[in-house]
Amino acid sequence: SSSACGSAGPEARVVGYAPTFSALAGW
């Protein structure tokens, strides 16, 4: 199961798309 921030943690419910992933990841 792949999701923006994983299935557990404070931001587990965050919804994201590719630009969001790269921004959150620090890229």
mmCIF file of all heavy atoms, coordinates in Angstrom:
data_MODEL
# 
_entry.id   MODEL 
# 
loop_
_atom_site.group_PDB 
_atom_site.id 
_atom_site.type_symbol 
_atom_site.label_atom_id 
_atom_site.label_alt_id 
_atom_site.label_comp_id 
_atom_site.label_asym_id 
_atom_site.label_entity_id 
_atom_site.label_seq_id 
_atom_site.pdbx_PDB_ins_code 
_atom_site.Cartn_x 
_atom_site.Cartn_y 
_atom_site.Cartn_z 
_atom_site.occupancy 
_atom_site.B_iso_or_equiv 
_atom_site.pdbx_formal_charge 
_atom_site.auth_seq_id 
_atom_site.auth_comp_id 
_atom_site.auth_asym_id 
_atom_site.auth_atom_id 
_atom_site.pdbx_PDB_model_num 
ATOM 1   N N   . SER A 1 1  ? 0.848  -1.180 0.000  1.00 0.00 ? 1  SER A N   1 
ATOM 2   C CA  . SER A 1 1  ? 0.000  0.000  0.000  1.00 0.00 ? 1  SER A CA  1 
ATOM 3   C C   . SER A 1 1  ? 0.888  1.237  0.000  1.00 0.00 ? 1  SER A C   1 
ATOM 4   O O   . SER A 1 1  ? 1.654  1.460  0.929  1.00 0.00 ? 1  SER A O   1 
ATOM 5   C CB  . SER A 1 1  ? -0.907 0.006  1.230  1.00 0.00 ? 1  SER A CB  1 
ATOM 6   O OG  . SER A 1 1  ? -1.812 1.090  1.181  1.00 0.00 ? 1  SER A OG  1 
ATOM 7   N N   . SER A 1 2  ? 0.797  2.010  -1.055 1.00 0.00 ? 2  SER A N   1 
ATOM 8   C CA  . SER A 1 2  ? 1.619  3.209  -1.208 1.00 0.00 ? 2  SER A CA  1 
ATOM 9   C C   . SER A 1 2  ? 0.755  4.441  -0.992 1.00 0.00 ? 2  SER A C   1 
ATOM 10  O O   . SER A 1 2  ? -0.347 4.542  -1.526 1.00 0.00 ? 2  SER A O   1 
ATOM 11  C CB  . SER A 1 2  ? 2.242  3.235  -2.608 1.00 0.00 ? 2  SER A CB  1 
ATOM 12  O OG  . SER A 1 2  ? 2.872  4.467  -2.864 1.00 0.00 ? 2  SER A OG  1 
ATOM 13  N N   . SER A 1 3  ? 1.250  5.365  -0.197 1.00 0.00 ? 3  SER A N   1 
ATOM 14  C CA  . SER A 1 3  ? 0.513  6.605  0.055  1.00 0.00 ? 3  SER A CA  1 
ATOM 15  C C   . SER A 1 3  ? 1.502  7.750  0.214  1.00 0.00 ? 3  SER A C   1 
ATOM 16  O O   . SER A 1 3  ? 2.722  7.539  0.225  1.00 0.00 ? 3  SER A O   1 
ATOM 17  C CB  . SER A 1 3  ? -0.366 6.481  1.302  1.00 0.00 ? 3  SER A CB  1 
ATOM 18  O OG  . SER A 1 3  ? 0.418  6.146  2.439  1.00 0.00 ? 3  SER A OG  1 
ATOM 19  N N   . ALA A 1 4  ? 1.008  8.949  0.358  1.00 0.00 ? 4  ALA A N   1 
ATOM 20  C CA  . ALA A 1 4  ? 1.880  10.118 0.395  1.00 0.00 ? 4  ALA A CA  1 
ATOM 21  C C   . ALA A 1 4  ? 2.891  10.050 1.526  1.00 0.00 ? 4  ALA A C   1 
ATOM 22  O O   . ALA A 1 4  ? 4.092  10.254 1.324  1.00 0.00 ? 4  ALA A O   1 
ATOM 23  C CB  . ALA A 1 4  ? 1.045  11.386 0.523  1.00 0.00 ? 4  ALA A CB  1 
ATOM 24  N N   . CYS A 1 5  ? 2.411  9.742  2.748  1.00 0.00 ? 5  CYS A N   1 
ATOM 25  C CA  . CYS A 1 5  ? 3.292  9.771  3.921  1.00 0.00 ? 5  CYS A CA  1 
ATOM 26  C C   . CYS A 1 5  ? 3.256  8.484  4.721  1.00 0.00 ? 5  CYS A C   1 
ATOM 27  O O   . CYS A 1 5  ? 3.712  8.456  5.871  1.00 0.00 ? 5  CYS A O   1 
ATOM 28  C CB  . CYS A 1 5  ? 2.918  10.946 4.818  1.00 0.00 ? 5  CYS A CB  1 
ATOM 29  S SG  . CYS A 1 5  ? 3.146  12.557 4.056  1.00 0.00 ? 5  CYS A SG  1 
ATOM 30  N N   . GLY A 1 6  ? 2.717  7.401  4.147  1.00 0.00 ? 6  GLY A N   1 
ATOM 31  C CA  . GLY A 1 6  ? 2.655  6.146  4.871  1.00 0.00 ? 6  GLY A CA  1 
ATOM 32  C C   . GLY A 1 6  ? 1.362  6.012  5.647  1.00 0.00 ? 6  GLY A C   1 
ATOM 33  O O   . GLY A 1 6  ? 0.585  6.958  5.780  1.00 0.00 ? 6  GLY A O   1 
ATOM 34  N N   . SER A 1 7  ? 1.126  4.809  6.180  1.00 0.00 ? 7  SER A N   1 
ATOM 35  C CA  . SER A 1 7  ? -0.164 4.520  6.816  1.00 0.00 ? 7  SER A CA  1 
ATOM 36  C C   . SER A 1 7  ? -0.201 4.859  8.290  1.00 0.00 ? 7  SER A C   1 
ATOM 37  O O   . SER A 1 7  ? -1.240 4.712  8.935  1.00 0.00 ? 7  SER A O   1 
ATOM 38  C CB  . SER A 1 7  ? -0.500 3.031  6.631  1.00 0.00 ? 7  SER A CB  1 
ATOM 39  O OG  . SER A 1 7  ? 0.439  2.219  7.309  1.00 0.00 ? 7  SER A OG  1 
ATOM 40  N N   . ALA A 1 8  ? 0.920  5.287  8.879  1.00 0.00 ? 8  ALA A N   1 
ATOM 41  C CA  . ALA A 1 8  ? 0.940  5.638  10.293 1.00 0.00 ? 8  ALA A CA  1 
ATOM 42  C C   . ALA A 1 8  ? 1.763  6.899  10.481 1.00 0.00 ? 8  ALA A C   1 
ATOM 43  O O   . ALA A 1 8  ? 2.653  7.205  9.694  1.00 0.00 ? 8  ALA A O   1 
ATOM 44  C CB  . ALA A 1 8  ? 1.526  4.488  11.124 1.00 0.00 ? 8  ALA A CB  1 
ATOM 45  N N   . GLY A 1 9  ? 1.455  7.631  11.543 1.00 0.00 ? 9  GLY A N   1 
ATOM 46  C CA  . GLY A 1 9  ? 2.191  8.855  11.829 1.00 0.00 ? 9  GLY A CA  1 
ATOM 47  C C   . GLY A 1 9  ? 1.291  10.072 11.809 1.00 0.00 ? 9  GLY A C   1 
ATOM 48  O O   . GLY A 1 9  ? 0.141  10.014 11.337 1.00 0.00 ? 9  GLY A O   1 
ATOM 49  N N   . PRO A 1 10 ? 1.800  11.214 12.303 1.00 0.00 ? 10 PRO A N   1 
ATOM 50  C CA  . PRO A 1 10 ? 0.974  12.433 12.396 1.00 0.00 ? 10 PRO A CA  1 
ATOM 51  C C   . PRO A 1 10 ? 0.412  12.914 11.068 1.00 0.00 ? 10 PRO A C   1 
ATOM 52  O O   . PRO A 1 10 ? -0.632 13.563 11.037 1.00 0.00 ? 10 PRO A O   1 
ATOM 53  C CB  . PRO A 1 10 ? 1.949  13.469 12.976 1.00 0.00 ? 10 PRO A CB  1 
ATOM 54  C CG  . PRO A 1 10 ? 3.022  12.678 13.639 1.00 0.00 ? 10 PRO A CG  1 
ATOM 55  C CD  . PRO A 1 10 ? 3.153  11.418 12.856 1.00 0.00 ? 10 PRO A CD  1 
ATOM 56  N N   . GLU A 1 11 ? 1.094  12.611 9.953  1.00 0.00 ? 11 GLU A N   1 
ATOM 57  C CA  . GLU A 1 11 ? 0.643  13.093 8.648  1.00 0.00 ? 11 GLU A CA  1 
ATOM 58  C C   . GLU A 1 11 ? 0.159  11.960 7.740  1.00 0.00 ? 11 GLU A C   1 
ATOM 59  O O   . GLU A 1 11 ? 0.146  12.094 6.522  1.00 0.00 ? 11 GLU A O   1 
ATOM 60  C CB  . GLU A 1 11 ? 1.771  13.877 7.975  1.00 0.00 ? 11 GLU A CB  1 
ATOM 61  C CG  . GLU A 1 11 ? 2.180  15.127 8.751  1.00 0.00 ? 11 GLU A CG  1 
ATOM 62  C CD  . GLU A 1 11 ? 3.338  15.874 8.104  1.00 0.00 ? 11 GLU A CD  1 
ATOM 63  O OE1 . GLU A 1 11 ? 3.848  15.403 7.082  1.00 0.00 ? 11 GLU A OE1 1 
ATOM 64  O OE2 . GLU A 1 11 ? 3.733  16.918 8.651  1.00 0.00 ? 11 GLU A OE2 1 
ATOM 65  N N   . ALA A 1 12 ? -0.262 10.867 8.352  1.00 0.00 ? 12 ALA A N   1 
ATOM 66  C CA  . ALA A 1 12 ? -0.672 9.705  7.561  1.00 0.00 ? 12 ALA A CA  1 
ATOM 67  C C   . ALA A 1 12 ? -1.871 10.008 6.671  1.00 0.00 ? 12 ALA A C   1 
ATOM 68  O O   . ALA A 1 12 ? -2.026 9.401  5.611  1.00 0.00 ? 12 ALA A O   1 
ATOM 69  C CB  . ALA A 1 12 ? -0.992 8.530  8.484  1.00 0.00 ? 12 ALA A CB  1 
ATOM 70  N N   . ARG A 1 13 ? -2.731 10.931 7.083  1.00 0.00 ? 13 ARG A N   1 
ATOM 71  C CA  . ARG A 1 13 ? -3.943 11.217 6.314  1.00 0.00 ? 13 ARG A CA  1 
ATOM 72  C C   . ARG A 1 13 ? -3.729 12.282 5.247  1.00 0.00 ? 13 ARG A C   1 
ATOM 73  O O   . ARG A 1 13 ? -4.658 12.676 4.551  1.00 0.00 ? 13 ARG A O   1 
ATOM 74  C CB  . ARG A 1 13 ? -5.059 11.672 7.259  1.00 0.00 ? 13 ARG A CB  1 
ATOM 75  C CG  . ARG A 1 13 ? -5.429 10.624 8.301  1.00 0.00 ? 13 ARG A CG  1 
ATOM 76  C CD  . ARG A 1 13 ? -6.038 9.392  7.664  1.00 0.00 ? 13 ARG A CD  1 
ATOM 77  N NE  . ARG A 1 13 ? -6.295 8.336  8.644  1.00 0.00 ? 13 ARG A NE  1 
ATOM 78  C CZ  . ARG A 1 13 ? -6.846 7.161  8.354  1.00 0.00 ? 13 ARG A CZ  1 
ATOM 79  N NH1 . ARG A 1 13 ? -7.205 6.910  7.105  1.00 0.00 ? 13 ARG A NH1 1 
ATOM 80  N NH2 . ARG A 1 13 ? -7.016 6.249  9.285  1.00 0.00 ? 13 ARG A NH2 1 
ATOM 81  N N   . VAL A 1 14 ? -2.504 12.765 5.107  1.00 0.00 ? 14 VAL A N   1 
ATOM 82  C CA  . VAL A 1 14 ? -2.221 13.771 4.084  1.00 0.00 ? 14 VAL A CA  1 
ATOM 83  C C   . VAL A 1 14 ? -2.454 13.187 2.693  1.00 0.00 ? 14 VAL A C   1 
ATOM 84  O O   . VAL A 1 14 ? -2.018 12.068 2.400  1.00 0.00 ? 14 VAL A O   1 
ATOM 85  C CB  . VAL A 1 14 ? -0.770 14.280 4.216  1.00 0.00 ? 14 VAL A CB  1 
ATOM 86  C CG1 . VAL A 1 14 ? -0.372 15.082 2.991  1.00 0.00 ? 14 VAL A CG1 1 
ATOM 87  C CG2 . VAL A 1 14 ? -0.633 15.133 5.472  1.00 0.00 ? 14 VAL A CG2 1 
ATOM 88  N N   . VAL A 1 15 ? -3.148 13.916 1.851  1.00 0.00 ? 15 VAL A N   1 
ATOM 89  C CA  . VAL A 1 15 ? -3.382 13.506 0.463  1.00 0.00 ? 15 VAL A CA  1 
ATOM 90  C C   . VAL A 1 15 ? -2.370 14.224 -0.412 1.00 0.00 ? 15 VAL A C   1 
ATOM 91  O O   . VAL A 1 15 ? -2.108 15.416 -0.226 1.00 0.00 ? 15 VAL A O   1 
ATOM 92  C CB  . VAL A 1 15 ? -4.814 13.846 0.025  1.00 0.00 ? 15 VAL A CB  1 
ATOM 93  C CG1 . VAL A 1 15 ? -5.027 13.471 -1.438 1.00 0.00 ? 15 VAL A CG1 1 
ATOM 94  C CG2 . VAL A 1 15 ? -5.818 13.118 0.909  1.00 0.00 ? 15 VAL A CG2 1 
ATOM 95  N N   . GLY A 1 16 ? -1.789 13.516 -1.372 1.00 0.00 ? 16 GLY A N   1 
ATOM 96  C CA  . GLY A 1 16 ? -0.768 14.165 -2.185 1.00 0.00 ? 16 GLY A CA  1 
ATOM 97  C C   . GLY A 1 16 ? -0.691 13.627 -3.596 1.00 0.00 ? 16 GLY A C   1 
ATOM 98  O O   . GLY A 1 16 ? -1.156 12.525 -3.886 1.00 0.00 ? 16 GLY A O   1 
ATOM 99  N N   . TYR A 1 17 ? -0.096 14.437 -4.454 1.00 0.00 ? 17 TYR A N   1 
ATOM 100 C CA  . TYR A 1 17 ? 0.243  14.050 -5.817 1.00 0.00 ? 17 TYR A CA  1 
ATOM 101 C C   . TYR A 1 17 ? 1.741  14.256 -6.002 1.00 0.00 ? 17 TYR A C   1 
ATOM 102 O O   . TYR A 1 17 ? 2.442  14.711 -5.090 1.00 0.00 ? 17 TYR A O   1 
ATOM 103 C CB  . TYR A 1 17 ? -0.548 14.881 -6.827 1.00 0.00 ? 17 TYR A CB  1 
ATOM 104 C CG  . TYR A 1 17 ? -2.034 14.625 -6.793 1.00 0.00 ? 17 TYR A CG  1 
ATOM 105 C CD1 . TYR A 1 17 ? -2.887 15.446 -6.064 1.00 0.00 ? 17 TYR A CD1 1 
ATOM 106 C CD2 . TYR A 1 17 ? -2.578 13.554 -7.487 1.00 0.00 ? 17 TYR A CD2 1 
ATOM 107 C CE1 . TYR A 1 17 ? -4.256 15.210 -6.038 1.00 0.00 ? 17 TYR A CE1 1 
ATOM 108 C CE2 . TYR A 1 17 ? -3.944 13.304 -7.475 1.00 0.00 ? 17 TYR A CE2 1 
ATOM 109 C CZ  . TYR A 1 17 ? -4.777 14.135 -6.736 1.00 0.00 ? 17 TYR A CZ  1 
ATOM 110 O OH  . TYR A 1 17 ? -6.127 13.888 -6.709 1.00 0.00 ? 17 TYR A OH  1 
ATOM 111 N N   . ALA A 1 18 ? 2.253  13.966 -7.183 1.00 0.00 ? 18 ALA A N   1 
ATOM 112 C CA  . ALA A 1 18 ? 3.700  13.986 -7.411 1.00 0.00 ? 18 ALA A CA  1 
ATOM 113 C C   . ALA A 1 18 ? 4.380  15.279 -6.951 1.00 0.00 ? 18 ALA A C   1 
ATOM 114 O O   . ALA A 1 18 ? 5.399  15.221 -6.258 1.00 0.00 ? 18 ALA A O   1 
ATOM 115 C CB  . ALA A 1 18 ? 3.999  13.721 -8.891 1.00 0.00 ? 18 ALA A CB  1 
ATOM 116 N N   . PRO A 1 19 ? 3.863  16.468 -7.305 1.00 0.00 ? 19 PRO A N   1 
ATOM 117 C CA  . PRO A 1 19 ? 4.552  17.687 -6.839 1.00 0.00 ? 19 PRO A CA  1 
ATOM 118 C C   . PRO A 1 19 ? 4.582  17.795 -5.321 1.00 0.00 ? 19 PRO A C   1 
ATOM 119 O O   . PRO A 1 19 ? 5.536  18.317 -4.737 1.00 0.00 ? 19 PRO A O   1 
ATOM 120 C CB  . PRO A 1 19 ? 3.722  18.815 -7.465 1.00 0.00 ? 19 PRO A CB  1 
ATOM 121 C CG  . PRO A 1 19 ? 3.025  18.180 -8.629 1.00 0.00 ? 19 PRO A CG  1 
ATOM 122 C CD  . PRO A 1 19 ? 2.728  16.781 -8.188 1.00 0.00 ? 19 PRO A CD  1 
ATOM 123 N N   . THR A 1 20 ? 3.504  17.292 -4.669 1.00 0.00 ? 20 THR A N   1 
ATOM 124 C CA  . THR A 1 20 ? 3.473  17.314 -3.213 1.00 0.00 ? 20 THR A CA  1 
ATOM 125 C C   . THR A 1 20 ? 4.523  16.390 -2.631 1.00 0.00 ? 20 THR A C   1 
ATOM 126 O O   . THR A 1 20 ? 5.197  16.722 -1.654 1.00 0.00 ? 20 THR A O   1 
ATOM 127 C CB  . THR A 1 20 ? 2.084  16.867 -2.708 1.00 0.00 ? 20 THR A CB  1 
ATOM 128 O OG1 . THR A 1 20 ? 1.091  17.283 -3.617 1.00 0.00 ? 20 THR A OG1 1 
ATOM 129 C CG2 . THR A 1 20 ? 1.799  17.426 -1.335 1.00 0.00 ? 20 THR A CG2 1 
ATOM 130 N N   . PHE A 1 21 ? 4.644  15.196 -3.227 1.00 0.00 ? 21 PHE A N   1 
ATOM 131 C CA  . PHE A 1 21 ? 5.638  14.228 -2.746 1.00 0.00 ? 21 PHE A CA  1 
ATOM 132 C C   . PHE A 1 21 ? 7.031  14.855 -2.756 1.00 0.00 ? 21 PHE A C   1 
ATOM 133 O O   . PHE A 1 21 ? 7.774  14.773 -1.779 1.00 0.00 ? 21 PHE A O   1 
ATOM 134 C CB  . PHE A 1 21 ? 5.671  12.982 -3.630 1.00 0.00 ? 21 PHE A CB  1 
ATOM 135 C CG  . PHE A 1 21 ? 4.383  12.207 -3.701 1.00 0.00 ? 21 PHE A CG  1 
ATOM 136 C CD1 . PHE A 1 21 ? 4.161  11.316 -4.735 1.00 0.00 ? 21 PHE A CD1 1 
ATOM 137 C CD2 . PHE A 1 21 ? 3.401  12.361 -2.733 1.00 0.00 ? 21 PHE A CD2 1 
ATOM 138 C CE1 . PHE A 1 21 ? 2.982  10.593 -4.812 1.00 0.00 ? 21 PHE A CE1 1 
ATOM 139 C CE2 . PHE A 1 21 ? 2.209  11.644 -2.802 1.00 0.00 ? 21 PHE A CE2 1 
ATOM 140 C CZ  . PHE A 1 21 ? 2.003  10.759 -3.846 1.00 0.00 ? 21 PHE A CZ  1 
ATOM 141 N N   . SER A 1 22 ? 7.381  15.471 -3.892 1.00 0.00 ? 22 SER A N   1 
ATOM 142 C CA  . SER A 1 22 ? 8.741  15.984 -4.019 1.00 0.00 ? 22 SER A CA  1 
ATOM 143 C C   . SER A 1 22 ? 8.982  17.153 -3.078 1.00 0.00 ? 22 SER A C   1 
ATOM 144 O O   . SER A 1 22 ? 10.076 17.324 -2.534 1.00 0.00 ? 22 SER A O   1 
ATOM 145 C CB  . SER A 1 22 ? 9.023  16.405 -5.460 1.00 0.00 ? 22 SER A CB  1 
ATOM 146 O OG  . SER A 1 22 ? 8.115  17.400 -5.886 1.00 0.00 ? 22 SER A OG  1 
ATOM 147 N N   . ALA A 1 23 ? 7.949  17.978 -2.859 1.00 0.00 ? 23 ALA A N   1 
ATOM 148 C CA  . ALA A 1 23 ? 8.109  19.093 -1.935 1.00 0.00 ? 23 ALA A CA  1 
ATOM 149 C C   . ALA A 1 23 ? 8.283  18.585 -0.504 1.00 0.00 ? 23 ALA A C   1 
ATOM 150 O O   . ALA A 1 23 ? 9.198  19.004 0.211  1.00 0.00 ? 23 ALA A O   1 
ATOM 151 C CB  . ALA A 1 23 ? 6.898  20.018 -2.029 1.00 0.00 ? 23 ALA A CB  1 
ATOM 152 N N   . LEU A 1 24 ? 7.415  17.677 -0.088 1.00 0.00 ? 24 LEU A N   1 
ATOM 153 C CA  . LEU A 1 24 ? 7.499  17.120 1.265  1.00 0.00 ? 24 LEU A CA  1 
ATOM 154 C C   . LEU A 1 24 ? 8.811  16.372 1.487  1.00 0.00 ? 24 LEU A C   1 
ATOM 155 O O   . LEU A 1 24 ? 9.356  16.361 2.589  1.00 0.00 ? 24 LEU A O   1 
ATOM 156 C CB  . LEU A 1 24 ? 6.326  16.170 1.511  1.00 0.00 ? 24 LEU A CB  1 
ATOM 157 C CG  . LEU A 1 24 ? 4.992  16.794 1.914  1.00 0.00 ? 24 LEU A CG  1 
ATOM 158 C CD1 . LEU A 1 24 ? 3.902  15.730 1.951  1.00 0.00 ? 24 LEU A CD1 1 
ATOM 159 C CD2 . LEU A 1 24 ? 5.097  17.481 3.263  1.00 0.00 ? 24 LEU A CD2 1 
ATOM 160 N N   . ALA A 1 25 ? 9.318  15.738 0.438  1.00 0.00 ? 25 ALA A N   1 
ATOM 161 C CA  . ALA A 1 25 ? 10.536 14.938 0.560  1.00 0.00 ? 25 ALA A CA  1 
ATOM 162 C C   . ALA A 1 25 ? 11.789 15.784 0.661  1.00 0.00 ? 25 ALA A C   1 
ATOM 163 O O   . ALA A 1 25 ? 12.866 15.278 0.973  1.00 0.00 ? 25 ALA A O   1 
ATOM 164 C CB  . ALA A 1 25 ? 10.654 13.984 -0.632 1.00 0.00 ? 25 ALA A CB  1 
ATOM 165 N N   . GLY A 1 26 ? 11.683 17.086 0.363  1.00 0.00 ? 26 GLY A N   1 
ATOM 166 C CA  . GLY A 1 26 ? 12.850 17.953 0.427  1.00 0.00 ? 26 GLY A CA  1 
ATOM 167 C C   . GLY A 1 26 ? 13.499 18.212 -0.908 1.00 0.00 ? 26 GLY A C   1 
ATOM 168 O O   . GLY A 1 26 ? 14.466 18.972 -1.001 1.00 0.00 ? 26 GLY A O   1 
ATOM 169 N N   . TRP A 1 27 ? 12.965 17.592 -1.959 1.00 0.00 ? 27 TRP A N   1 
ATOM 170 C CA  . TRP A 1 27 ? 13.541 17.783 -3.289 1.00 0.00 ? 27 TRP A CA  1 
ATOM 171 C C   . TRP A 1 27 ? 13.309 19.191 -3.818 1.00 0.00 ? 27 TRP A C   1 
ATOM 172 O O   . TRP A 1 27 ? 14.201 19.808 -4.403 1.00 0.00 ? 27 TRP A O   1 
ATOM 173 C CB  . TRP A 1 27 ? 12.913 16.784 -4.270 1.00 0.00 ? 27 TRP A CB  1 
ATOM 174 C CG  . TRP A 1 27 ? 13.518 15.428 -4.251 1.00 0.00 ? 27 TRP A CG  1 
ATOM 175 C CD1 . TRP A 1 27 ? 14.142 14.819 -3.197 1.00 0.00 ? 27 TRP A CD1 1 
ATOM 176 C CD2 . TRP A 1 27 ? 13.539 14.506 -5.326 1.00 0.00 ? 27 TRP A CD2 1 
ATOM 177 N NE1 . TRP A 1 27 ? 14.536 13.563 -3.547 1.00 0.00 ? 27 TRP A NE1 1 
ATOM 178 C CE2 . TRP A 1 27 ? 14.181 13.339 -4.850 1.00 0.00 ? 27 TRP A CE2 1 
ATOM 179 C CE3 . TRP A 1 27 ? 13.072 14.539 -6.625 1.00 0.00 ? 27 TRP A CE3 1 
ATOM 180 C CZ2 . TRP A 1 27 ? 14.372 12.226 -5.655 1.00 0.00 ? 27 TRP A CZ2 1 
ATOM 181 C CZ3 . TRP A 1 27 ? 13.254 13.424 -7.429 1.00 0.00 ? 27 TRP A CZ3 1 
ATOM 182 C CH2 . TRP A 1 27 ? 13.908 12.287 -6.940 1.00 0.00 ? 27 TRP A CH2 1 
# 
